[in-house]
Amino acid sequence: MIPNSNPHHSPAHSRQKQYVWVLARFLNTAPQRLTVGLVLLIAAIVTGCQSSGIDAALDPTEIGPGTSPGPAQKLQKLGRGSTPISMVLPLSASGKLGETGRRMRDGAKLAMADLGNDLITLSIEDSRGDDTLARKLALRAASSGAKAVIGPVSYSATQQLSRLSGAKRPPILALAENFAGAPGVYAVRLTETDSAAAGAAAIAAKGSRKFVLLVAKSADAQAMEKRIANSLSIYGATLVVTVPFSPGPLDAQRAASDVAALVTAPDAVIVASGSGNPLPLVAALRDKGLLAGSAKLIGTSRWLDQSIQDPLLGGAYIAALDNTETGPITGRFKGMFGYEADVDVAYAYDMVALVAGITSAVGPDGLTARVLQNSTGFRGSTGIFRFRADGASEHSMPFYRIDGGTLKQITKSVSGF
């Protein structure tokens, strides 16, 4: 627990809220310098009536994801702390993208009310769903004194940012889907690589030793192969064959034939299908007898973008976040905003709470690669996670088996680290 005498919290703030923290494995606990090895339980238990901190973070005219998109929203500033943090969201974009941005804004507001108001000043800027503008806003924030940038949500804008050098650039906590990470630009969301590594590790932990990976051709395929091999090595298992493939039935048959020619009776087959449907490849693998007997089929979180109701996918294992479980924020979020928190809300909440927590524990200059990349990691409303030096994230998550076209949880928490 952080003592109530923490200079970053006012007495009134301490009386109105009770925060639950876990701080462990400090490498240096000298009074003037608390450094890395930080575990942060970013859960806030709000007691009593609504505090002035909540009032300061919320504007009733902006509550709810259904706020109609329209003209670009003006810069919003939340909090009164001395540490400047920027957030780039597609607030006025149309469709699902705009709704995601507005949900994330609400998640950020709750985190500020719970934890951030006296620690940081959060500037939320509207990218309007424009990739070029999102990149420009993030770069401007990074060069104008922000200690960290949360966002963008755009994959294209995040990829562009990741290609830019800048040793003095503050950390960027990217909220884009399917972004693999890059040095200094951290992938916040669960990726297919993380899901595949965790699923493979969970099966290896049960005794499987000989693994095959079929991976959709992409720029991230080689990094996925390396990550899975590392996860398997923890349990003495081996990735014996990796076969890249392209979407479509013809290449699925070729890939399955290649596997059959290279390996006999694998213990487990991992199918990382990217944005494609895994069904043609799984069907081809079954036709070749590669999933016969006790061989395990391991899918990824990207499978859930497709239908999983076909019986051919039955019995496959998948490590994925539970999108209905948003940890300790669920009740308070619905009470404030009138709708259920989802994983978008949770990611935004966790990142704002994370930067506020690090600021409280280490100081305004504590948002460094060394702190963010500590091996112990952090606990948030999306579970335990940590960031790697290459910008990738590693998550602990539930482990499921496809049963009758639905996911059946068999293990509450698995990870590839």
Protein backbone atom coordinates (compact mmCIF):
# COMPACT_ATOMS: atom_id res chain seq x y z
CA MET A 1 0.00 0.00 0.00
CA ILE A 2 1.22 3.51 -0.71
CA PRO A 3 1.26 5.53 2.48
CA ASN A 4 -1.27 8.30 2.91
CA SER A 5 1.60 10.73 3.38
CA ASN A 6 2.40 10.53 -0.32
CA PRO A 7 2.98 14.18 -1.31
CA HIS A 8 1.09 13.72 -4.57
CA HIS A 9 -2.25 13.14 -2.75
CA SER A 10 -4.12 15.83 -0.92
CA PRO A 11 -5.70 14.97 2.47
CA ALA A 12 -9.20 15.38 1.00
CA HIS A 13 -8.30 13.08 -1.87
CA SER A 14 -7.05 10.45 0.58
CA ARG A 15 -10.20 10.64 2.69
CA GLN A 16 -12.56 10.27 -0.25
CA LYS A 17 -10.87 7.37 -2.00
CA GLN A 18 -9.06 4.21 -1.11
CA TYR A 19 -6.53 3.04 -3.69
CA VAL A 20 -5.20 -0.48 -3.85
CA TRP A 21 -1.63 -0.81 -5.03
CA VAL A 22 0.99 -3.50 -5.15
CA LEU A 23 4.58 -2.28 -5.42
CA ALA A 24 7.21 -5.02 -5.50
CA ARG A 25 10.77 -5.90 -6.46
CA PHE A 26 12.21 -2.41 -6.44
CA LEU A 27 15.80 -2.63 -7.52
CA ASN A 28 16.61 0.46 -5.50
CA THR A 29 14.35 1.57 -2.67
CA ALA A 30 16.43 4.52 -1.50
CA PRO A 31 14.07 7.29 -0.34
CA GLN A 32 15.13 9.70 -3.07
CA ARG A 33 15.03 7.19 -5.91
CA LEU A 34 12.45 4.47 -6.30
CA THR A 35 13.30 2.64 -9.48
CA VAL A 36 12.04 -0.18 -11.59
CA GLY A 37 10.68 -3.63 -10.94
CA LEU A 38 7.26 -2.14 -10.36
CA VAL A 39 4.01 -4.00 -10.06
CA LEU A 40 1.00 -1.76 -10.01
CA LEU A 41 -2.49 -2.92 -9.20
CA ILE A 42 -4.39 -0.17 -10.94
CA ALA A 43 -7.67 -0.71 -9.22
CA ALA A 44 -9.40 2.06 -7.37
CA ILE A 45 -12.13 1.45 -4.82
CA VAL A 46 -14.17 4.61 -4.56
CA THR A 47 -15.92 5.00 -1.24
CA GLY A 48 -18.59 7.40 -0.10
CA CYS A 49 -20.24 9.96 -2.32
CA GLN A 50 -18.87 11.29 -5.59
CA SER A 51 -15.67 13.24 -4.98
CA SER A 52 -14.57 16.57 -6.36
CA GLY A 53 -12.00 14.61 -8.36
CA ILE A 54 -14.78 12.84 -10.23
CA ASP A 55 -16.57 16.12 -10.84
CA ALA A 56 -13.39 17.57 -12.30
CA ALA A 57 -12.94 14.70 -14.73
CA LEU A 58 -16.47 14.40 -16.05
CA ASP A 59 -18.42 16.64 -18.36
CA PRO A 60 -22.05 15.39 -18.49
CA THR A 61 -22.46 16.77 -22.01
CA GLU A 62 -19.84 14.36 -23.30
CA ILE A 63 -20.84 11.17 -21.51
CA GLY A 64 -21.51 7.99 -23.46
CA PRO A 65 -20.22 6.29 -26.60
CA GLY A 66 -23.33 7.18 -28.54
CA THR A 67 -22.42 10.86 -28.66
CA SER A 68 -23.02 11.75 -32.29
CA PRO A 69 -19.92 12.35 -34.38
CA GLY A 70 -19.63 15.82 -35.83
CA PRO A 71 -17.15 18.68 -36.04
CA ALA A 72 -13.73 18.06 -34.57
CA GLN A 73 -13.77 18.28 -30.80
CA LYS A 74 -11.64 20.89 -29.10
CA LEU A 75 -8.66 19.95 -26.98
CA GLN A 76 -9.85 18.57 -23.64
CA LYS A 77 -7.67 18.93 -20.55
CA LEU A 78 -8.32 16.82 -17.47
CA GLY A 79 -6.57 16.93 -14.11
CA ARG A 80 -4.34 19.40 -12.36
CA GLY A 81 -1.10 17.45 -11.92
CA SER A 82 2.31 18.73 -12.92
CA THR A 83 3.09 15.83 -15.29
CA PRO A 84 1.77 16.45 -18.85
CA ILE A 85 0.39 13.43 -20.70
CA SER A 86 -1.20 13.49 -24.17
CA MET A 87 -3.87 11.20 -25.60
CA VAL A 88 -4.86 11.01 -29.29
CA LEU A 89 -8.31 9.55 -30.03
CA PRO A 90 -10.69 9.56 -33.05
CA LEU A 91 -13.46 11.29 -31.10
CA SER A 92 -15.42 12.78 -34.01
CA ALA A 93 -14.88 9.93 -36.47
CA SER A 94 -17.95 8.18 -37.79
CA GLY A 95 -18.97 4.58 -37.25
CA LYS A 96 -17.20 2.05 -35.07
CA LEU A 97 -13.93 3.99 -35.02
CA GLY A 98 -15.54 7.05 -33.49
CA GLU A 99 -17.43 4.95 -30.96
CA THR A 100 -14.15 3.29 -29.95
CA GLY A 101 -12.56 6.70 -29.47
CA ARG A 102 -15.41 7.96 -27.32
CA ARG A 103 -15.41 4.81 -25.21
CA MET A 104 -11.70 5.22 -24.66
CA ARG A 105 -12.22 8.84 -23.68
CA ASP A 106 -14.70 7.74 -21.03
CA GLY A 107 -12.28 5.10 -19.78
CA ALA A 108 -9.60 7.79 -19.50
CA LYS A 109 -11.98 10.06 -17.58
CA LEU A 110 -12.72 7.36 -15.05
CA ALA A 111 -9.00 6.69 -14.57
CA MET A 112 -8.41 10.40 -14.03
CA ALA A 113 -11.21 10.52 -11.47
CA ASP A 114 -9.89 7.43 -9.72
CA LEU A 115 -6.21 8.16 -9.77
CA GLY A 116 -4.89 10.83 -12.09
CA ASN A 117 -6.39 14.21 -11.24
CA ASP A 118 -3.75 15.30 -8.73
CA LEU A 119 -0.85 13.58 -10.51
CA ILE A 120 -1.07 14.35 -14.22
CA THR A 121 -2.68 16.73 -16.67
CA LEU A 122 -4.18 14.72 -19.50
CA SER A 123 -4.68 16.48 -22.84
CA ILE A 124 -7.07 14.60 -25.15
CA GLU A 125 -6.88 15.54 -28.82
CA ASP A 126 -9.26 14.54 -31.60
CA SER A 127 -7.69 12.92 -34.66
CA ARG A 128 -11.10 12.87 -36.43
CA GLY A 129 -10.24 9.40 -37.75
CA ASP A 130 -7.61 10.94 -40.06
CA ASP A 131 -4.41 8.86 -40.06
CA THR A 132 -2.19 11.77 -41.09
CA LEU A 133 -3.64 14.03 -38.43
CA ALA A 134 -3.29 11.31 -35.78
CA ARG A 135 0.42 10.96 -36.56
CA LYS A 136 0.93 14.73 -36.53
CA LEU A 137 -0.86 15.15 -33.20
CA ALA A 138 1.19 12.37 -31.60
CA LEU A 139 4.44 13.82 -32.93
CA ARG A 140 3.52 17.31 -31.77
CA ALA A 141 2.72 16.02 -28.30
CA ALA A 142 5.97 14.05 -28.17
CA SER A 143 8.01 17.11 -29.09
CA SER A 144 6.22 19.62 -26.86
CA GLY A 145 6.94 18.28 -23.40
CA ALA A 146 4.48 15.41 -22.90
CA LYS A 147 5.99 12.73 -20.64
CA ALA A 148 4.03 10.03 -22.51
CA VAL A 149 1.61 9.79 -25.43
CA ILE A 150 -1.37 7.42 -25.23
CA GLY A 151 -2.62 6.49 -28.70
CA PRO A 152 -3.13 6.73 -31.61
CA VAL A 153 -5.89 4.21 -32.32
CA SER A 154 -5.04 4.14 -36.03
CA TYR A 155 -2.82 1.23 -37.15
CA SER A 156 -1.44 3.18 -40.11
CA ALA A 157 -0.55 6.24 -38.03
CA THR A 158 1.08 4.04 -35.37
CA GLN A 159 3.13 2.18 -37.98
CA GLN A 160 4.36 5.51 -39.33
CA LEU A 161 5.35 6.64 -35.84
CA SER A 162 7.21 3.39 -35.21
CA ARG A 163 9.46 4.03 -38.22
CA LEU A 164 10.65 7.39 -36.93
CA SER A 165 13.82 7.55 -34.89
CA GLY A 166 14.12 9.63 -31.78
CA ALA A 167 16.08 8.64 -28.72
CA LYS A 168 14.60 11.49 -26.70
CA ARG A 169 11.03 10.76 -27.72
CA PRO A 170 8.72 10.02 -24.77
CA PRO A 171 7.13 6.57 -24.69
CA ILE A 172 4.12 6.09 -26.95
CA LEU A 173 1.49 3.68 -25.61
CA ALA A 174 -0.25 2.75 -28.85
CA LEU A 175 -3.92 1.72 -28.80
CA ALA A 176 -4.03 0.40 -32.39
CA GLU A 177 -5.34 -3.10 -33.04
CA ASN A 178 -2.89 -5.69 -34.40
CA PHE A 179 0.12 -3.39 -33.94
CA ALA A 180 3.14 -5.54 -33.07
CA GLY A 181 5.16 -2.85 -31.28
CA ALA A 182 8.48 -1.13 -31.94
CA PRO A 183 11.21 0.29 -29.70
CA GLY A 184 9.66 3.17 -27.79
CA VAL A 185 6.22 2.60 -29.34
CA TYR A 186 4.49 0.04 -27.14
CA ALA A 187 1.67 -2.25 -28.29
CA VAL A 188 -1.00 -2.00 -25.60
CA ARG A 189 -3.56 -4.38 -27.07
CA LEU A 190 -3.34 -8.15 -27.20
CA THR A 191 -1.73 -9.22 -30.48
CA GLU A 192 -1.92 -12.47 -32.40
CA THR A 193 1.72 -13.12 -31.53
CA ASP A 194 1.04 -12.82 -27.82
CA SER A 195 -2.06 -15.02 -28.10
CA ALA A 196 -0.20 -17.70 -30.09
CA ALA A 197 2.77 -17.69 -27.70
CA ALA A 198 0.53 -18.00 -24.64
CA GLY A 199 -1.55 -20.78 -26.22
CA ALA A 200 1.54 -22.72 -27.25
CA ALA A 201 3.09 -22.33 -23.80
CA ALA A 202 -0.09 -23.57 -22.12
CA ILE A 203 -0.09 -26.75 -24.21
CA ALA A 204 3.65 -27.26 -23.73
CA ALA A 205 3.15 -26.99 -19.99
CA LYS A 206 0.89 -30.05 -20.23
CA GLY A 207 3.59 -32.17 -21.85
CA SER A 208 3.45 -31.58 -25.62
CA ARG A 209 6.94 -31.28 -27.08
CA LYS A 210 6.88 -31.17 -30.89
CA PHE A 211 5.13 -28.09 -32.33
CA VAL A 212 4.39 -26.87 -35.85
CA LEU A 213 3.52 -23.27 -36.74
CA LEU A 214 1.52 -22.24 -39.78
CA VAL A 215 1.59 -18.45 -40.02
CA ALA A 216 -0.03 -16.04 -42.45
CA LYS A 217 2.58 -14.22 -44.52
CA SER A 218 3.19 -10.76 -43.07
CA ALA A 219 5.93 -8.47 -41.83
CA ASP A 220 5.36 -9.84 -38.32
CA ALA A 221 5.63 -13.55 -39.19
CA GLN A 222 9.31 -13.92 -38.32
CA ALA A 223 8.90 -12.14 -34.99
CA MET A 224 5.98 -14.44 -34.16
CA GLU A 225 8.05 -17.53 -34.94
CA LYS A 226 10.85 -16.35 -32.64
CA ARG A 227 8.47 -15.42 -29.84
CA ILE A 228 6.67 -18.79 -29.94
CA ALA A 229 9.96 -20.69 -30.01
CA ASN A 230 11.12 -18.77 -26.93
CA SER A 231 7.88 -19.48 -25.08
CA LEU A 232 8.11 -23.20 -25.87
CA SER A 233 11.72 -23.41 -24.73
CA ILE A 234 10.64 -22.53 -21.19
CA TYR A 235 8.96 -25.95 -21.03
CA GLY A 236 11.54 -27.92 -23.01
CA ALA A 237 9.36 -27.98 -26.13
CA THR A 238 10.50 -27.23 -29.68
CA LEU A 239 9.08 -25.49 -32.72
CA VAL A 240 10.23 -27.99 -35.34
CA VAL A 241 8.63 -26.52 -38.46
CA THR A 242 7.29 -23.12 -39.51
CA VAL A 243 5.31 -22.86 -42.75
CA PRO A 244 4.14 -19.43 -44.02
CA PHE A 245 0.93 -19.41 -46.06
CA SER A 246 -1.37 -17.07 -47.95
CA PRO A 247 -5.17 -16.92 -47.57
CA GLY A 248 -7.28 -19.19 -49.73
CA PRO A 249 -8.04 -22.91 -50.19
CA LEU A 250 -5.27 -23.57 -52.75
CA ASP A 251 -2.46 -22.28 -50.57
CA ALA A 252 -4.03 -24.01 -47.56
CA GLN A 253 -3.67 -27.35 -49.33
CA ARG A 254 -0.06 -26.54 -50.26
CA ALA A 255 0.82 -25.50 -46.71
CA ALA A 256 -0.72 -28.67 -45.26
CA SER A 257 1.18 -30.79 -47.78
CA ASP A 258 4.42 -29.04 -46.87
CA VAL A 259 3.88 -29.78 -43.18
CA ALA A 260 3.09 -33.43 -43.90
CA ALA A 261 6.31 -33.74 -45.89
CA LEU A 262 8.44 -32.13 -43.18
CA VAL A 263 7.17 -33.61 -39.93
CA THR A 264 5.49 -36.80 -38.75
CA ALA A 265 2.93 -36.84 -35.94
CA PRO A 266 3.34 -33.39 -34.38
CA ASP A 267 2.13 -33.01 -30.81
CA ALA A 268 0.53 -29.64 -31.56
CA VAL A 269 -0.17 -27.44 -34.58
CA ILE A 270 -0.49 -23.67 -34.23
CA VAL A 271 -2.52 -21.85 -36.89
CA ALA A 272 -1.95 -18.08 -36.88
CA SER A 273 -4.26 -17.02 -39.70
CA GLY A 274 -4.00 -13.23 -39.38
CA SER A 275 -7.02 -11.52 -40.87
CA GLY A 276 -7.93 -14.60 -42.90
CA ASN A 277 -10.35 -17.40 -42.11
CA PRO A 278 -8.52 -20.35 -40.49
CA LEU A 279 -11.12 -22.87 -41.67
CA PRO A 280 -9.61 -23.81 -45.09
CA LEU A 281 -6.23 -24.50 -43.51
CA VAL A 282 -7.68 -26.47 -40.60
CA ALA A 283 -9.71 -28.55 -43.07
CA ALA A 284 -6.57 -29.26 -45.11
CA LEU A 285 -4.63 -30.25 -41.98
CA ARG A 286 -7.37 -32.68 -40.98
CA ASP A 287 -7.44 -34.13 -44.48
CA LYS A 288 -3.71 -34.83 -44.21
CA GLY A 289 -4.16 -36.55 -40.83
CA LEU A 290 -2.01 -33.96 -39.06
CA LEU A 291 -4.61 -33.40 -36.35
CA ALA A 292 -5.34 -37.08 -35.72
CA GLY A 293 -5.01 -38.83 -32.40
CA SER A 294 -3.78 -36.71 -29.52
CA ALA A 295 -2.43 -33.85 -31.67
CA LYS A 296 -3.59 -30.47 -30.36
CA LEU A 297 -4.84 -27.62 -32.54
CA ILE A 298 -3.97 -24.13 -31.26
CA GLY A 299 -5.67 -21.07 -32.68
CA THR A 300 -5.23 -17.39 -31.87
CA SER A 301 -7.32 -14.43 -30.81
CA ARG A 302 -7.64 -13.44 -34.49
CA TRP A 303 -9.81 -16.51 -35.05
CA LEU A 304 -12.48 -14.74 -33.05
CA ASP A 305 -12.84 -12.17 -35.83
CA GLN A 306 -14.37 -15.03 -37.85
CA SER A 307 -17.10 -17.55 -37.11
CA ILE A 308 -15.91 -20.44 -34.96
CA GLN A 309 -19.09 -22.50 -35.33
CA ASP A 310 -17.84 -24.97 -37.94
CA PRO A 311 -17.33 -28.43 -36.35
CA LEU A 312 -13.88 -28.66 -37.97
CA LEU A 313 -12.69 -26.02 -35.51
CA GLY A 314 -14.04 -27.93 -32.53
CA GLY A 315 -11.49 -28.82 -29.90
CA ALA A 316 -9.06 -26.06 -30.84
CA TYR A 317 -7.41 -24.13 -28.01
CA ILE A 318 -7.21 -20.33 -27.92
CA ALA A 319 -5.64 -17.91 -25.45
CA ALA A 320 -7.57 -14.64 -25.54
CA LEU A 321 -8.75 -11.84 -23.31
CA ASP A 322 -12.18 -12.13 -21.77
CA ASN A 323 -13.87 -9.13 -23.35
CA THR A 324 -16.69 -9.27 -20.80
CA GLU A 325 -14.35 -9.03 -17.82
CA THR A 326 -13.07 -5.54 -17.11
CA GLY A 327 -11.87 -6.14 -13.60
CA PRO A 328 -12.51 -3.63 -10.84
CA ILE A 329 -13.84 -0.79 -13.01
CA THR A 330 -17.08 -2.39 -14.21
CA GLY A 331 -19.61 -1.19 -11.66
CA ARG A 332 -18.32 2.34 -11.27
CA PHE A 333 -17.99 2.83 -15.01
CA LYS A 334 -21.58 1.85 -15.68
CA GLY A 335 -22.76 4.00 -12.80
CA MET A 336 -21.01 7.07 -14.25
CA PHE A 337 -21.55 6.61 -17.95
CA GLY A 338 -24.68 4.48 -18.19
CA TYR A 339 -23.27 1.68 -20.35
CA GLU A 340 -21.05 -1.37 -19.88
CA ALA A 341 -17.29 -1.07 -19.98
CA ASP A 342 -15.66 -3.13 -22.71
CA VAL A 343 -12.05 -3.95 -23.57
CA ASP A 344 -11.59 -0.59 -25.34
CA VAL A 345 -12.60 1.20 -22.16
CA ALA A 346 -10.31 -1.07 -20.13
CA TYR A 347 -7.23 -0.47 -22.29
CA ALA A 348 -7.65 3.31 -22.08
CA TYR A 349 -8.32 3.17 -18.33
CA ASP A 350 -5.25 1.01 -17.73
CA MET A 351 -2.88 3.27 -19.67
CA VAL A 352 -4.00 6.46 -17.94
CA ALA A 353 -3.88 4.73 -14.56
CA LEU A 354 -0.47 3.30 -15.43
CA VAL A 355 1.15 6.65 -16.20
CA ALA A 356 -0.47 8.19 -13.12
CA GLY A 357 0.70 5.29 -10.94
CA ILE A 358 4.28 5.46 -12.20
CA THR A 359 4.28 9.23 -11.67
CA SER A 360 3.13 8.71 -8.09
CA ALA A 361 5.61 5.94 -7.31
CA VAL A 362 8.70 7.09 -9.20
CA GLY A 363 8.11 10.75 -9.99
CA PRO A 364 7.33 12.79 -13.12
CA ASP A 365 10.53 11.61 -14.83
CA GLY A 366 9.79 7.94 -14.16
CA LEU A 367 8.07 7.25 -17.48
CA THR A 368 11.14 5.65 -18.99
CA ALA A 369 11.86 2.51 -20.96
CA ARG A 370 13.51 1.01 -17.90
CA VAL A 371 10.39 1.38 -15.79
CA LEU A 372 7.92 0.39 -18.50
CA GLN A 373 9.95 -2.68 -19.49
CA ASN A 374 10.44 -4.10 -16.02
CA SER A 375 10.15 -7.88 -16.04
CA THR A 376 7.53 -8.08 -13.31
CA GLY A 377 4.97 -6.08 -15.24
CA PHE A 378 1.71 -4.49 -14.17
CA ARG A 379 -1.77 -5.57 -13.20
CA GLY A 380 -4.66 -3.68 -14.76
CA SER A 381 -8.33 -4.18 -15.49
CA THR A 382 -7.30 -6.31 -18.51
CA GLY A 383 -5.13 -8.56 -16.34
CA ILE A 384 -1.36 -8.82 -15.89
CA PHE A 385 0.73 -7.37 -18.71
CA ARG A 386 4.25 -6.22 -19.41
CA PHE A 387 6.12 -4.45 -22.18
CA ARG A 388 9.18 -5.78 -23.99
CA ALA A 389 12.20 -3.86 -25.30
CA ASP A 390 10.94 -4.40 -28.88
CA GLY A 391 7.66 -2.66 -27.99
CA ALA A 392 5.58 -5.83 -27.94
CA SER A 393 3.32 -6.57 -24.99
CA GLU A 394 2.85 -9.82 -23.12
CA HIS A 395 -0.46 -10.55 -21.42
CA SER A 396 -1.81 -13.10 -19.01
CA MET A 397 -5.22 -14.21 -20.24
CA PRO A 398 -7.83 -16.98 -20.04
CA PHE A 399 -7.34 -20.19 -22.05
CA TYR A 400 -10.31 -21.56 -23.97
CA ARG A 401 -11.34 -24.60 -26.00
CA ILE A 402 -13.85 -24.35 -28.83
CA ASP A 403 -16.78 -26.53 -27.85
CA GLY A 404 -19.98 -26.60 -29.90
CA GLY A 405 -19.11 -23.39 -31.70
CA THR A 406 -18.47 -21.40 -28.53
CA LEU A 407 -15.52 -20.74 -26.24
CA LYS A 408 -15.35 -22.77 -23.06
CA GLN A 409 -12.85 -21.48 -20.51
CA ILE A 410 -10.57 -24.22 -19.22
CA THR A 411 -7.88 -22.15 -17.50
CA LYS A 412 -8.34 -18.73 -15.95
CA SER A 413 -4.89 -17.37 -16.69
CA VAL A 414 -2.07 -18.38 -19.04
CA SER A 415 0.82 -16.44 -20.55
CA GLY A 416 3.84 -16.88 -22.76
CA PHE A 417 6.21 -15.41 -20.17
